Amino acid sequence: MQILPASDPDSSTLCSEAFERRLEIAGLAAAELASLFGADRTRRDELALASRGPISVRIEQDEGTASAAVAPKSLQPERLPDGQAMLASGLPGQARLQADAATDRLLPGPLNLLLAQQWARQGLFPLHAAALRWRGRGVMILGGRGAGKSSLVLAALAEGAEVVSDDWLLVGCERGEVRAERLRQFLMLRPGETWTRFAPSLGGDLDFRCGNDGRFVHAISPKDPAFPSWIRVERCLLLHRPPADRPATTRLEASDQAGLLGELIDAAMPVLMTHRFPVERALLFDRFNALIRRLPTAAVTTGRDLLADPRSVLERLISD
């Protein structure tokens, strides 16, 4: 993902490398947008962003069309704790941020929803998911909080895998293949047993810093070959949260299409799949179905063997 300046100093362009699409953003300078996606959270000035006025986002195809000049009164508000998004299905939209709202999100809620809607207008969908490439094979990892996405990513890193992201992706189909592209430009891993086991083996290759919330953060350099900006996805893993008494051996089971569809909806922006957004809903379900048809999928509950013999576990999960 590239962030480019625009002719207006308070505007920028967000460019997808995997899908060759872009969003035109008015009301956020390139440096401000980069800080929202980057590891350095101290640069975020909520008061300056909120006092500037609405942030507008449109897609490239809107340029020079009637939809580019959509009247604000045609947009409906979606109120969130840190502001509101002004949206209408199939049209550019706006976000208004609330300066004094406390949030630990990567992006303010209204801006996150607005960007997701504008990507969805182009058949792409942001997902809370991880992606990596192991021995040339790309895999996407879905699972809720505590399911073990970061643990699996950390184990894979220690074994030499190439990692796109541990948590936030832009996903879609392009030229007959499923692709996953990094949105968050850093890794954020929780301390715990998996961290204690694998962090020392990473040596000096990664510069992890402990954040304010106790998690370890590594800013990803765009030139680091260990972190490609996007990959072709050939397999999907649905992680189930392990029980308190974690099994000795990682469980690998077949998963049906309904299971994958449910996980995709949960990992995406569910409001965009309601009848309020018919354009985005139709596009997303079409792309979800295409993805389901293309990707072999397995349900996984990781066991203690991930700590003892990570290479064998990765072989089972990704190479089968």
Protein backbone atom coordinates (compact mmCIF):
# COMPACT_ATOMS: atom_id res chain seq x y z
CA MET A 1 0.00 0.00 0.00
CA GLN A 2 1.41 3.35 -1.01
CA ILE A 3 0.42 6.77 0.34
CA LEU A 4 1.08 9.63 -2.06
CA PRO A 5 0.71 13.40 -1.65
CA ALA A 6 -1.83 15.32 -3.71
CA SER A 7 -1.71 18.83 -5.17
CA ASP A 8 -3.71 20.06 -2.18
CA PRO A 9 -1.45 19.86 0.91
CA ASP A 10 -4.38 18.58 3.00
CA SER A 11 -5.17 15.74 0.58
CA SER A 12 -3.58 12.40 -0.30
CA THR A 13 -3.96 9.23 -2.35
CA LEU A 14 -4.04 5.70 -0.95
CA CYS A 15 -2.80 3.30 -3.65
CA SER A 16 -3.19 -0.48 -3.62
CA GLU A 17 -0.21 -2.30 -5.13
CA ALA A 18 -1.87 -5.71 -5.35
CA PHE A 19 -5.04 -4.48 -7.02
CA GLU A 20 -3.86 -1.31 -8.79
CA ARG A 21 -6.71 0.74 -7.36
CA ARG A 22 -6.70 3.87 -5.30
CA LEU A 23 -8.71 6.10 -3.00
CA GLU A 24 -8.63 9.89 -3.25
CA ILE A 25 -8.74 11.45 0.23
CA ALA A 26 -9.46 15.13 0.90
CA GLY A 27 -8.85 16.40 4.43
CA LEU A 28 -5.81 14.24 5.30
CA ALA A 29 -2.28 15.04 4.22
CA ALA A 30 -0.08 12.13 3.15
CA ALA A 31 2.02 12.31 6.34
CA GLU A 32 -1.11 12.27 8.51
CA LEU A 33 -2.55 9.29 6.68
CA ALA A 34 0.76 7.44 6.92
CA SER A 35 0.86 8.02 10.67
CA LEU A 36 -2.56 6.38 11.06
CA PHE A 37 -1.34 3.20 9.35
CA GLY A 38 2.17 3.30 10.83
CA ALA A 39 3.78 2.14 14.05
CA ASP A 40 4.48 5.56 15.52
CA ARG A 41 1.21 6.38 17.28
CA THR A 42 2.60 9.54 18.93
CA ARG A 43 2.22 11.58 15.75
CA ARG A 44 -1.55 11.28 15.67
CA ASP A 45 -3.12 14.69 16.40
CA GLU A 46 -6.83 14.01 16.92
CA LEU A 47 -7.65 17.65 17.66
CA ALA A 48 -6.07 18.90 14.42
CA LEU A 49 -7.84 16.21 12.38
CA ALA A 50 -11.22 16.88 13.96
CA SER A 51 -11.04 20.68 13.78
CA ARG A 52 -10.21 20.68 10.09
CA GLY A 53 -13.68 19.53 9.08
CA PRO A 54 -14.97 16.51 7.15
CA ILE A 55 -12.65 14.01 5.51
CA SER A 56 -13.92 13.05 2.05
CA VAL A 57 -13.06 9.82 0.22
CA ARG A 58 -13.86 8.80 -3.35
CA ILE A 59 -12.64 6.19 -5.80
CA GLU A 60 -10.72 6.89 -8.98
CA GLN A 61 -13.76 6.17 -11.18
CA ASP A 62 -15.66 9.06 -9.58
CA GLU A 63 -13.35 11.66 -11.09
CA GLY A 64 -15.24 13.92 -13.46
CA THR A 65 -18.61 12.23 -12.82
CA ALA A 66 -21.76 13.46 -11.13
CA SER A 67 -21.12 11.12 -8.18
CA ALA A 68 -17.88 12.99 -7.39
CA ALA A 69 -19.92 16.06 -6.44
CA VAL A 70 -22.55 14.22 -4.38
CA ALA A 71 -24.49 16.60 -2.11
CA PRO A 72 -23.90 16.06 1.63
CA LYS A 73 -27.68 15.94 2.21
CA SER A 74 -27.85 12.69 0.23
CA LEU A 75 -25.49 11.03 2.71
CA GLN A 76 -26.86 9.25 5.78
CA PRO A 77 -25.01 9.43 9.13
CA GLU A 78 -23.56 6.36 10.82
CA ARG A 79 -22.84 7.52 14.37
CA LEU A 80 -19.89 5.97 16.18
CA PRO A 81 -18.25 6.68 19.56
CA ASP A 82 -15.48 8.75 17.95
CA GLY A 83 -17.48 10.63 15.33
CA GLN A 84 -19.74 9.86 12.40
CA ALA A 85 -19.47 8.59 8.85
CA MET A 86 -21.70 10.15 6.19
CA LEU A 87 -22.44 7.40 3.68
CA ALA A 88 -24.64 6.41 0.76
CA SER A 89 -24.40 3.14 -1.14
CA GLY A 90 -22.32 3.38 -4.30
CA LEU A 91 -21.23 6.98 -3.67
CA PRO A 92 -18.25 8.87 -2.22
CA GLY A 93 -18.61 9.65 1.47
CA GLN A 94 -17.34 11.73 4.36
CA ALA A 95 -16.13 11.20 7.92
CA ARG A 96 -16.29 13.65 10.81
CA LEU A 97 -14.03 12.87 13.77
CA GLN A 98 -14.57 13.70 17.40
CA ALA A 99 -11.40 15.12 18.93
CA ASP A 100 -11.91 14.06 22.55
CA ALA A 101 -12.95 10.45 21.88
CA ALA A 102 -10.64 7.91 23.49
CA THR A 103 -9.98 4.97 21.19
CA ASP A 104 -7.33 2.30 20.79
CA ARG A 105 -8.31 1.52 17.20
CA LEU A 106 -5.82 1.62 14.39
CA LEU A 107 -8.06 4.15 12.63
CA PRO A 108 -10.86 6.32 14.01
CA GLY A 109 -14.10 4.38 13.59
CA PRO A 110 -15.77 6.75 11.07
CA LEU A 111 -12.69 6.83 8.84
CA ASN A 112 -12.27 3.07 9.07
CA LEU A 113 -15.87 2.52 7.96
CA LEU A 114 -15.62 5.11 5.17
CA LEU A 115 -12.42 3.61 3.74
CA ALA A 116 -13.91 0.10 3.91
CA GLN A 117 -17.00 1.26 2.02
CA GLN A 118 -14.94 2.91 -0.71
CA TRP A 119 -12.76 -0.21 -1.13
CA ALA A 120 -15.97 -2.29 -1.23
CA ARG A 121 -17.25 -0.15 -4.12
CA GLN A 122 -14.30 -1.63 -6.04
CA GLY A 123 -14.94 -5.22 -4.91
CA LEU A 124 -12.19 -5.25 -2.26
CA PHE A 125 -12.63 -5.83 1.45
CA PRO A 126 -10.47 -5.04 4.50
CA LEU A 127 -10.27 -8.06 6.82
CA HIS A 128 -9.03 -8.65 10.34
CA ALA A 129 -6.84 -11.54 9.23
CA ALA A 130 -3.20 -12.54 8.85
CA ALA A 131 -1.31 -13.60 5.74
CA LEU A 132 2.07 -15.21 5.17
CA ARG A 133 4.03 -17.24 2.63
CA TRP A 134 5.66 -20.49 3.69
CA ARG A 135 8.00 -22.16 1.22
CA GLY A 136 6.40 -20.35 -1.69
CA ARG A 137 2.80 -21.03 -0.70
CA GLY A 138 0.55 -18.18 0.41
CA VAL A 139 -1.93 -18.67 3.25
CA MET A 140 -4.56 -16.43 4.84
CA ILE A 141 -5.39 -16.97 8.52
CA LEU A 142 -8.81 -16.05 9.92
CA GLY A 143 -9.87 -16.18 13.55
CA GLY A 144 -11.33 -14.03 16.30
CA ARG A 145 -9.50 -12.43 19.20
CA GLY A 146 -7.50 -15.03 21.10
CA ALA A 147 -7.67 -17.64 18.34
CA GLY A 148 -3.91 -17.51 17.85
CA LYS A 149 -3.25 -15.58 14.63
CA SER A 150 -0.31 -13.71 16.12
CA SER A 151 1.11 -16.88 17.71
CA LEU A 152 1.07 -18.68 14.38
CA VAL A 153 2.64 -15.67 12.64
CA LEU A 154 5.38 -15.46 15.28
CA ALA A 155 6.18 -19.17 14.94
CA ALA A 156 6.26 -18.83 11.16
CA LEU A 157 8.57 -15.80 11.38
CA ALA A 158 10.95 -17.78 13.57
CA GLU A 159 11.01 -20.51 10.90
CA GLY A 160 11.78 -18.06 8.08
CA ALA A 161 8.31 -17.45 6.61
CA GLU A 162 7.54 -14.24 4.73
CA VAL A 163 4.79 -12.31 6.51
CA VAL A 164 2.41 -9.80 4.96
CA SER A 165 0.54 -8.88 8.14
CA ASP A 166 -0.47 -10.34 11.47
CA ASP A 167 -3.87 -8.68 11.62
CA TRP A 168 -5.16 -6.34 8.89
CA LEU A 169 -5.43 -7.04 5.17
CA LEU A 170 -7.04 -5.80 1.97
CA VAL A 171 -8.34 -8.91 0.17
CA GLY A 172 -9.86 -9.52 -3.24
CA CYS A 173 -9.61 -11.40 -6.52
CA GLU A 174 -7.34 -10.07 -9.27
CA ARG A 175 -6.42 -11.71 -12.57
CA GLY A 176 -7.95 -15.01 -11.54
CA GLU A 177 -6.22 -15.28 -8.16
CA VAL A 178 -6.92 -14.36 -4.55
CA ARG A 179 -4.60 -11.67 -3.21
CA ALA A 180 -3.99 -10.28 0.28
CA GLU A 181 -2.27 -6.93 0.83
CA ARG A 182 -0.97 -5.37 4.02
CA LEU A 183 -2.86 -2.38 5.42
CA ARG A 184 -1.29 -1.99 8.86
CA GLN A 185 2.40 -1.20 8.38
CA PHE A 186 3.60 -2.93 11.53
CA LEU A 187 3.35 -6.13 13.56
CA MET A 188 1.79 -6.00 17.03
CA LEU A 189 2.32 -9.14 19.12
CA ARG A 190 1.17 -9.90 22.64
CA PRO A 191 3.57 -11.04 25.35
CA GLY A 192 3.07 -14.57 26.56
CA GLU A 193 4.28 -18.11 26.18
CA THR A 194 4.61 -17.95 22.40
CA TRP A 195 6.53 -14.66 22.55
CA THR A 196 8.88 -16.07 25.19
CA ARG A 197 9.51 -19.16 23.08
CA PHE A 198 10.16 -17.54 19.68
CA ALA A 199 11.28 -13.95 20.22
CA PRO A 200 14.91 -14.88 21.05
CA SER A 201 15.25 -16.86 17.82
CA LEU A 202 14.41 -13.75 15.77
CA GLY A 203 17.77 -12.32 16.83
CA GLY A 204 18.51 -8.81 15.61
CA ASP A 205 16.46 -9.16 12.44
CA LEU A 206 13.40 -7.42 13.86
CA ASP A 207 13.29 -4.26 15.94
CA PHE A 208 10.47 -4.90 18.42
CA ARG A 209 9.58 -2.14 20.85
CA CYS A 210 7.23 -2.50 23.79
CA GLY A 211 4.19 -0.27 23.33
CA ASN A 212 2.11 1.51 25.97
CA ASP A 213 -0.29 -1.44 26.17
CA GLY A 214 2.48 -3.99 26.72
CA ARG A 215 2.39 -5.43 23.21
CA PHE A 216 5.53 -5.64 21.09
CA VAL A 217 5.57 -3.55 17.90
CA HIS A 218 7.79 -3.89 14.84
CA ALA A 219 7.57 -1.21 12.12
CA ILE A 220 7.74 -2.91 8.72
CA SER A 221 10.18 -1.45 6.24
CA PRO A 222 8.82 -1.42 2.66
CA LYS A 223 12.23 -2.67 1.48
CA ASP A 224 12.38 -5.71 3.80
CA PRO A 225 11.99 -8.90 1.69
CA ALA A 226 10.77 -10.80 4.76
CA PHE A 227 7.59 -8.67 4.62
CA PRO A 228 6.16 -8.57 1.07
CA SER A 229 3.43 -5.97 0.64
CA TRP A 230 1.07 -8.60 -0.80
CA ILE A 231 0.89 -12.27 -1.75
CA ARG A 232 -1.18 -14.64 -3.82
CA VAL A 233 -3.30 -16.70 -1.40
CA GLU A 234 -3.58 -20.43 -2.09
CA ARG A 235 -4.95 -21.74 1.21
CA CYS A 236 -7.07 -20.49 4.10
CA LEU A 237 -6.90 -21.51 7.76
CA LEU A 238 -9.80 -20.89 10.16
CA LEU A 239 -8.34 -20.73 13.67
CA HIS A 240 -10.50 -21.80 16.61
CA ARG A 241 -9.63 -20.48 20.04
CA PRO A 242 -7.88 -23.28 21.94
CA PRO A 243 -9.25 -24.38 25.34
CA ALA A 244 -7.50 -23.40 28.56
CA ASP A 245 -6.06 -26.92 28.62
CA ARG A 246 -4.42 -26.65 25.21
CA PRO A 247 -4.21 -29.97 23.33
CA ALA A 248 -0.82 -31.58 22.88
CA THR A 249 -1.21 -31.85 19.10
CA THR A 250 -2.54 -29.25 16.69
CA ARG A 251 -5.93 -30.29 15.31
CA LEU A 252 -6.54 -29.96 11.59
CA GLU A 253 -10.08 -30.60 10.32
CA ALA A 254 -12.04 -30.10 7.13
CA SER A 255 -14.11 -26.93 6.84
CA ASP A 256 -17.13 -26.35 4.64
CA GLN A 257 -17.94 -23.30 2.54
CA ALA A 258 -20.48 -22.01 5.05
CA GLY A 259 -17.81 -21.94 7.74
CA LEU A 260 -15.48 -19.89 5.57
CA LEU A 261 -18.26 -17.48 4.57
CA GLY A 262 -19.16 -16.91 8.22
CA GLU A 263 -15.55 -16.19 9.15
CA LEU A 264 -15.16 -13.76 6.25
CA ILE A 265 -18.26 -11.83 7.29
CA ASP A 266 -17.09 -11.69 10.91
CA ALA A 267 -13.62 -10.48 9.87
CA ALA A 268 -14.96 -7.81 7.49
CA MET A 269 -17.20 -4.78 8.09
CA PRO A 270 -20.61 -6.43 8.65
CA VAL A 271 -22.64 -3.23 8.18
CA LEU A 272 -21.58 -3.15 4.50
CA MET A 273 -23.34 -6.47 3.99
CA THR A 274 -26.73 -5.15 5.08
CA HIS A 275 -29.54 -3.92 2.82
CA ARG A 276 -28.50 -0.33 3.54
CA PHE A 277 -25.57 -0.83 1.16
CA PRO A 278 -26.94 -2.79 -1.82
CA VAL A 279 -24.05 -1.92 -4.18
CA GLU A 280 -21.33 -2.90 -1.73
CA ARG A 281 -23.28 -5.90 -0.46
CA ALA A 282 -23.68 -7.39 -3.93
CA LEU A 283 -20.02 -6.85 -4.78
CA LEU A 284 -18.74 -8.28 -1.51
CA PHE A 285 -20.87 -11.41 -1.60
CA ASP A 286 -19.84 -11.97 -5.21
CA ARG A 287 -16.17 -11.67 -4.23
CA PHE A 288 -16.64 -13.80 -1.12
CA ASN A 289 -18.18 -16.57 -3.21
CA ALA A 290 -15.35 -16.36 -5.74
CA LEU A 291 -12.82 -16.58 -2.91
CA ILE A 292 -14.60 -19.58 -1.36
CA ARG A 293 -14.54 -21.44 -4.67
CA ARG A 294 -10.81 -20.87 -5.12
CA LEU A 295 -9.39 -21.53 -1.66
CA PRO A 296 -8.89 -24.91 0.01
CA THR A 297 -9.77 -24.32 3.67
CA ALA A 298 -9.10 -26.11 6.95
CA ALA A 299 -10.23 -25.51 10.55
CA VAL A 300 -7.35 -25.43 13.04
CA THR A 301 -6.92 -25.53 16.81
CA THR A 302 -3.26 -25.07 17.65
CA GLY A 303 -1.67 -27.31 20.26
CA ARG A 304 1.46 -27.28 22.35
CA ASP A 305 3.39 -28.84 19.48
CA LEU A 306 3.44 -25.35 17.88
CA LEU A 307 5.93 -24.41 20.61
CA ALA A 308 7.87 -27.67 20.56
CA ASP A 309 8.09 -28.33 16.82
CA PRO A 310 6.81 -25.33 14.83
CA ARG A 311 8.24 -26.47 11.51
CA SER A 312 6.31 -29.73 11.53
CA VAL A 313 3.10 -27.90 12.48
CA LEU A 314 3.55 -25.40 9.64
CA GLU A 315 4.15 -28.23 7.19
CA ARG A 316 0.89 -29.87 8.24
CA LEU A 317 -1.15 -26.67 8.16
CA ILE A 318 0.15 -25.08 4.99
CA SER A 319 1.63 -27.82 2.82
CA ASP A 320 -1.14 -30.42 3.12
